[in-house]
Amino acid sequence: MIEHFFMCPHCWQEISMLLDSAYSQTYVEDCEVCCNPIELQVGFDDGELTSFEAREIGQ
């Protein structure tokens, strides 16, 4: 697991999430500040974070 910091696409506050570095995935998490849903796309290669995108649902 790695901790990754990013800006919420809803409230623009910096938040952090623990990411499972075992595989690439797309999933939805709620912002810990404003509680709005964020779609996360994470890519890993050999345990290294290679891509990360956080966006509003439906964007």
PDB file of N, CA and C in Angstrom:
ATOM      1  N   MET A   1       0.848  -1.183   0.000  1.00  0.00           N
ATOM      2  CA  MET A   1       0.000   0.000   0.000  1.00  0.00           C
ATOM      3  C   MET A   1       0.894   1.246   0.000  1.00  0.00           C
ATOM      4  N   ILE A   2       0.487   2.231  -0.796  1.00  0.00           N
ATOM      5  CA  ILE A   2       1.198   3.507  -0.795  1.00  0.00           C
ATOM      6  C   ILE A   2       0.197   4.629  -0.545  1.00  0.00           C
ATOM      7  N   GLU A   3       0.651   5.681   0.103  1.00  0.00           N
ATOM      8  CA  GLU A   3      -0.191   6.845   0.340  1.00  0.00           C
ATOM      9  C   GLU A   3       0.034   7.829  -0.808  1.00  0.00           C
ATOM     10  N   HIS A   4      -1.087   8.299  -1.384  1.00  0.00           N
ATOM     11  CA  HIS A   4      -1.006   9.229  -2.512  1.00  0.00           C
ATOM     12  C   HIS A   4      -1.846  10.465  -2.182  1.00  0.00           C
ATOM     13  N   PHE A   5      -1.271  11.660  -2.383  1.00  0.00           N
ATOM     14  CA  PHE A   5      -1.960  12.922  -2.128  1.00  0.00           C
ATOM     15  C   PHE A   5      -2.433  13.503  -3.455  1.00  0.00           C
ATOM     16  N   PHE A   6      -3.661  14.074  -3.453  1.00  0.00           N
ATOM     17  CA  PHE A   6      -4.213  14.686  -4.662  1.00  0.00           C
ATOM     18  C   PHE A   6      -5.311  15.674  -4.277  1.00  0.00           C
ATOM     19  N   MET A   7      -5.755  16.454  -5.247  1.00  0.00           N
ATOM     20  CA  MET A   7      -6.803  17.452  -5.016  1.00  0.00           C
ATOM     21  C   MET A   7      -8.167  16.859  -5.364  1.00  0.00           C
ATOM     22  N   CYS A   8      -9.142  17.049  -4.494  1.00  0.00           N
ATOM     23  CA  CYS A   8     -10.502  16.601  -4.764  1.00  0.00           C
ATOM     24  C   CYS A   8     -11.054  17.418  -5.937  1.00  0.00           C
ATOM     25  N   PRO A   9     -11.657  16.780  -6.942  1.00  0.00           N
ATOM     26  CA  PRO A   9     -12.207  17.513  -8.082  1.00  0.00           C
ATOM     27  C   PRO A   9     -13.492  18.270  -7.748  1.00  0.00           C
ATOM     28  N   HIS A  10     -14.020  18.087  -6.543  1.00  0.00           N
ATOM     29  CA  HIS A  10     -15.229  18.788  -6.116  1.00  0.00           C
ATOM     30  C   HIS A  10     -14.897  20.030  -5.279  1.00  0.00           C
ATOM     31  N   CYS A  11     -14.141  19.824  -4.197  1.00  0.00           N
ATOM     32  CA  CYS A  11     -13.892  20.916  -3.245  1.00  0.00           C
ATOM     33  C   CYS A  11     -12.474  21.469  -3.327  1.00  0.00           C
ATOM     34  N   TRP A  12     -11.601  20.852  -4.121  1.00  0.00           N
ATOM     35  CA  TRP A  12     -10.225  21.279  -4.359  1.00  0.00           C
ATOM     36  C   TRP A  12      -9.351  21.258  -3.108  1.00  0.00           C
ATOM     37  N   GLN A  13      -9.757  20.492  -2.110  1.00  0.00           N
ATOM     38  CA  GLN A  13      -8.923  20.305  -0.921  1.00  0.00           C
ATOM     39  C   GLN A  13      -7.959  19.155  -1.186  1.00  0.00           C
ATOM     40  N   GLU A  14      -6.749  19.245  -0.618  1.00  0.00           N
ATOM     41  CA  GLU A  14      -5.805  18.155  -0.755  1.00  0.00           C
ATOM     42  C   GLU A  14      -6.215  17.031   0.189  1.00  0.00           C
ATOM     43  N   ILE A  15      -6.331  15.839  -0.351  1.00  0.00           N
ATOM     44  CA  ILE A  15      -6.660  14.672   0.454  1.00  0.00           C
ATOM     45  C   ILE A  15      -5.651  13.567   0.120  1.00  0.00           C
ATOM     46  N   SER A  16      -5.647  12.533   0.913  1.00  0.00           N
ATOM     47  CA  SER A  16      -4.756  11.408   0.644  1.00  0.00           C
ATOM     48  C   SER A  16      -5.556  10.117   0.729  1.00  0.00           C
ATOM     49  N   MET A  17      -5.096   9.136  -0.004  1.00  0.00           N
ATOM     50  CA  MET A  17      -5.702   7.806   0.022  1.00  0.00           C
ATOM     51  C   MET A  17      -4.593   6.771  -0.007  1.00  0.00           C
ATOM     52  N   LEU A  18      -4.862   5.643   0.617  1.00  0.00           N
ATOM     53  CA  LEU A  18      -3.961   4.511   0.532  1.00  0.00           C
ATOM     54  C   LEU A  18      -4.353   3.697  -0.692  1.00  0.00           C
ATOM     55  N   LEU A  19      -3.385   3.470  -1.570  1.00  0.00           N
ATOM     56  CA  LEU A  19      -3.640   2.740  -2.805  1.00  0.00           C
ATOM     57  C   LEU A  19      -2.992   1.365  -2.724  1.00  0.00           C
ATOM     58  N   ASP A  20      -3.725   0.363  -3.190  1.00  0.00           N
ATOM     59  CA  ASP A  20      -3.216  -1.003  -3.232  1.00  0.00           C
ATOM     60  C   ASP A  20      -2.336  -1.141  -4.459  1.00  0.00           C
ATOM     61  N   SER A  21      -1.047  -1.327  -4.254  1.00  0.00           N
ATOM     62  CA  SER A  21      -0.090  -1.348  -5.364  1.00  0.00           C
ATOM     63  C   SER A  21      -0.003  -2.703  -6.058  1.00  0.00           C
ATOM     64  N   ALA A  22      -0.913  -3.609  -5.747  1.00  0.00           N
ATOM     65  CA  ALA A  22      -0.858  -4.942  -6.348  1.00  0.00           C
ATOM     66  C   ALA A  22      -1.325  -4.948  -7.803  1.00  0.00           C
ATOM     67  N   TYR A  23      -2.256  -4.055  -8.170  1.00  0.00           N
ATOM     68  CA  TYR A  23      -2.787  -4.078  -9.526  1.00  0.00           C
ATOM     69  C   TYR A  23      -3.461  -2.749  -9.872  1.00  0.00           C
ATOM     70  N   SER A  24      -3.638  -2.517 -11.176  1.00  0.00           N
ATOM     71  CA  SER A  24      -4.330  -1.317 -11.662  1.00  0.00           C
ATOM     72  C   SER A  24      -5.833  -1.512 -11.488  1.00  0.00           C
ATOM     73  N   GLN A  25      -6.542  -0.412 -11.239  1.00  0.00           N
ATOM     74  CA  GLN A  25      -7.975  -0.524 -11.008  1.00  0.00           C
ATOM     75  C   GLN A  25      -8.689   0.807 -11.174  1.00  0.00           C
ATOM     76  N   THR A  26     -10.001   0.739 -11.312  1.00  0.00           N
ATOM     77  CA  THR A  26     -10.875   1.904 -11.323  1.00  0.00           C
ATOM     78  C   THR A  26     -11.937   1.665 -10.261  1.00  0.00           C
ATOM     79  N   TYR A  27     -12.141   2.650  -9.394  1.00  0.00           N
ATOM     80  CA  TYR A  27     -13.138   2.498  -8.345  1.00  0.00           C
ATOM     81  C   TYR A  27     -13.607   3.869  -7.880  1.00  0.00           C
ATOM     82  N   VAL A  28     -14.620   3.895  -7.010  1.00  0.00           N
ATOM     83  CA  VAL A  28     -15.208   5.135  -6.501  1.00  0.00           C
ATOM     84  C   VAL A  28     -14.994   5.208  -4.996  1.00  0.00           C
ATOM     85  N   GLU A  29     -14.524   6.366  -4.543  1.00  0.00           N
ATOM     86  CA  GLU A  29     -14.354   6.653  -3.110  1.00  0.00           C
ATOM     87  C   GLU A  29     -14.969   8.015  -2.842  1.00  0.00           C
ATOM     88  N   ASP A  30     -15.474   8.224  -1.639  1.00  0.00           N
ATOM     89  CA  ASP A  30     -15.985   9.532  -1.249  1.00  0.00           C
ATOM     90  C   ASP A  30     -14.859  10.393  -0.712  1.00  0.00           C
ATOM     91  N   CYS A  31     -14.892  11.687  -1.040  1.00  0.00           N
ATOM     92  CA  CYS A  31     -13.918  12.639  -0.507  1.00  0.00           C
ATOM     93  C   CYS A  31     -14.078  12.705   1.007  1.00  0.00           C
ATOM     94  N   GLU A  32     -12.957  12.687   1.720  1.00  0.00           N
ATOM     95  CA  GLU A  32     -13.004  12.738   3.184  1.00  0.00           C
ATOM     96  C   GLU A  32     -13.354  14.126   3.706  1.00  0.00           C
ATOM     97  N   VAL A  33     -13.331  15.156   2.843  1.00  0.00           N
ATOM     98  CA  VAL A  33     -13.654  16.520   3.252  1.00  0.00           C
ATOM     99  C   VAL A  33     -15.104  16.864   2.913  1.00  0.00           C
ATOM    100  N   CYS A  34     -15.488  16.719   1.620  1.00  0.00           N
ATOM    101  CA  CYS A  34     -16.823  17.151   1.185  1.00  0.00           C
ATOM    102  C   CYS A  34     -17.809  16.001   0.977  1.00  0.00           C
ATOM    103  N   CYS A  35     -17.333  14.760   1.066  1.00  0.00           N
ATOM    104  CA  CYS A  35     -18.150  13.545   0.958  1.00  0.00           C
ATOM    105  C   CYS A  35     -18.722  13.274  -0.432  1.00  0.00           C
ATOM    106  N   ASN A  36     -18.311  14.023  -1.455  1.00  0.00           N
ATOM    107  CA  ASN A  36     -18.769  13.758  -2.815  1.00  0.00           C
ATOM    108  C   ASN A  36     -17.983  12.580  -3.392  1.00  0.00           C
ATOM    109  N   PRO A  37     -18.621  11.806  -4.291  1.00  0.00           N
ATOM    110  CA  PRO A  37     -17.935  10.649  -4.868  1.00  0.00           C
ATOM    111  C   PRO A  37     -16.884  11.060  -5.899  1.00  0.00           C
ATOM    112  N   ILE A  38     -15.752  10.359  -5.885  1.00  0.00           N
ATOM    113  CA  ILE A  38     -14.647  10.597  -6.808  1.00  0.00           C
ATOM    114  C   ILE A  38     -14.339   9.273  -7.509  1.00  0.00           C
ATOM    115  N   GLU A  39     -14.296   9.307  -8.835  1.00  0.00           N
ATOM    116  CA  GLU A  39     -13.875   8.129  -9.580  1.00  0.00           C
ATOM    117  C   GLU A  39     -12.358   8.153  -9.694  1.00  0.00           C
ATOM    118  N   LEU A  40     -11.725   7.091  -9.258  1.00  0.00           N
ATOM    119  CA  LEU A  40     -10.266   6.996  -9.268  1.00  0.00           C
ATOM    120  C   LEU A  40      -9.832   5.942 -10.268  1.00  0.00           C
ATOM    121  N   GLN A  41      -8.872   6.298 -11.108  1.00  0.00           N
ATOM    122  CA  GLN A  41      -8.228   5.352 -12.008  1.00  0.00           C
ATOM    123  C   GLN A  41      -6.766   5.312 -11.626  1.00  0.00           C
ATOM    124  N   VAL A  42      -6.307   4.128 -11.208  1.00  0.00           N
ATOM    125  CA  VAL A  42      -4.934   3.984 -10.765  1.00  0.00           C
ATOM    126  C   VAL A  42      -4.237   2.904 -11.590  1.00  0.00           C
ATOM    127  N   GLY A  43      -3.017   3.217 -11.985  1.00  0.00           N
ATOM    128  CA  GLY A  43      -2.226   2.258 -12.740  1.00  0.00           C
ATOM    129  C   GLY A  43      -0.907   1.973 -12.054  1.00  0.00           C
ATOM    130  N   PHE A  44      -0.557   0.712 -11.965  1.00  0.00           N
ATOM    131  CA  PHE A  44       0.694   0.287 -11.351  1.00  0.00           C
ATOM    132  C   PHE A  44       1.451  -0.615 -12.314  1.00  0.00           C
ATOM    133  N   ASP A  45       2.764  -0.532 -12.267  1.00  0.00           N
ATOM    134  CA  ASP A  45       3.634  -1.423 -13.021  1.00  0.00           C
ATOM    135  C   ASP A  45       4.780  -1.818 -12.099  1.00  0.00           C
ATOM    136  N   ASP A  46       4.876  -3.090 -11.810  1.00  0.00           N
ATOM    137  CA  ASP A  46       5.897  -3.610 -10.884  1.00  0.00           C
ATOM    138  C   ASP A  46       5.888  -2.883  -9.541  1.00  0.00           C
ATOM    139  N   GLY A  47       4.692  -2.605  -9.017  1.00  0.00           N
ATOM    140  CA  GLY A  47       4.567  -1.953  -7.717  1.00  0.00           C
ATOM    141  C   GLY A  47       4.760  -0.456  -7.722  1.00  0.00           C
ATOM    142  N   GLU A  48       5.068   0.136  -8.885  1.00  0.00           N
ATOM    143  CA  GLU A  48       5.256   1.591  -9.014  1.00  0.00           C
ATOM    144  C   GLU A  48       3.982   2.226  -9.560  1.00  0.00           C
ATOM    145  N   LEU A  49       3.562   3.334  -8.965  1.00  0.00           N
ATOM    146  CA  LEU A  49       2.404   4.072  -9.466  1.00  0.00           C
ATOM    147  C   LEU A  49       2.782   4.727 -10.792  1.00  0.00           C
ATOM    148  N   THR A  50       2.113   4.332 -11.878  1.00  0.00           N
ATOM    149  CA  THR A  50       2.433   4.859 -13.201  1.00  0.00           C
ATOM    150  C   THR A  50       1.394   5.843 -13.711  1.00  0.00           C
ATOM    151  N   SER A  51       0.158   5.764 -13.192  1.00  0.00           N
ATOM    152  CA  SER A  51      -0.872   6.724 -13.589  1.00  0.00           C
ATOM    153  C   SER A  51      -1.883   6.874 -12.469  1.00  0.00           C
ATOM    154  N   PHE A  52      -2.436   8.082 -12.374  1.00  0.00           N
ATOM    155  CA  PHE A  52      -3.452   8.358 -11.356  1.00  0.00           C
ATOM    156  C   PHE A  52      -4.364   9.448 -11.890  1.00  0.00           C
ATOM    157  N   GLU A  53      -5.662   9.222 -11.839  1.00  0.00           N
ATOM    158  CA  GLU A  53      -6.623  10.239 -12.243  1.00  0.00           C
ATOM    159  C   GLU A  53      -7.794  10.207 -11.273  1.00  0.00           C
ATOM    160  N   ALA A  54      -8.165  11.389 -10.779  1.00  0.00           N
ATOM    161  CA  ALA A  54      -9.319  11.537  -9.887  1.00  0.00           C
ATOM    162  C   ALA A  54     -10.275  12.504 -10.562  1.00  0.00           C
ATOM    163  N   ARG A  55     -11.519  12.066 -10.770  1.00  0.00           N
ATOM    164  CA  ARG A  55     -12.476  12.938 -11.449  1.00  0.00           C
ATOM    165  C   ARG A  55     -13.873  12.765 -10.864  1.00  0.00           C
ATOM    166  N   GLU A  56     -14.694  13.778 -11.126  1.00  0.00           N
ATOM    167  CA  GLU A  56     -16.088  13.726 -10.706  1.00  0.00           C
ATOM    168  C   GLU A  56     -16.772  12.603 -11.470  1.00  0.00           C
ATOM    169  N   ILE A  57     -17.757  12.001 -10.852  1.00  0.00           N
ATOM    170  CA  ILE A  57     -18.522  10.938 -11.506  1.00  0.00           C
ATOM    171  C   ILE A  57     -19.246  11.545 -12.705  1.00  0.00           C
ATOM    172  N   GLY A  58     -19.168  10.843 -13.850  1.00  0.00           N
ATOM    173  CA  GLY A  58     -19.842  11.307 -15.062  1.00  0.00           C
ATOM    174  C   GLY A  58     -19.033  12.294 -15.876  1.00  0.00           C
ATOM    175  N   GLN A  59     -17.821  12.605 -15.468  1.00  0.00           N
ATOM    176  CA  GLN A  59     -16.974  13.550 -16.215  1.00  0.00           C
ATOM    177  C   GLN A  59     -16.056  12.822 -17.159  1.00  0.00           C
TER     178      GLN A  59
END
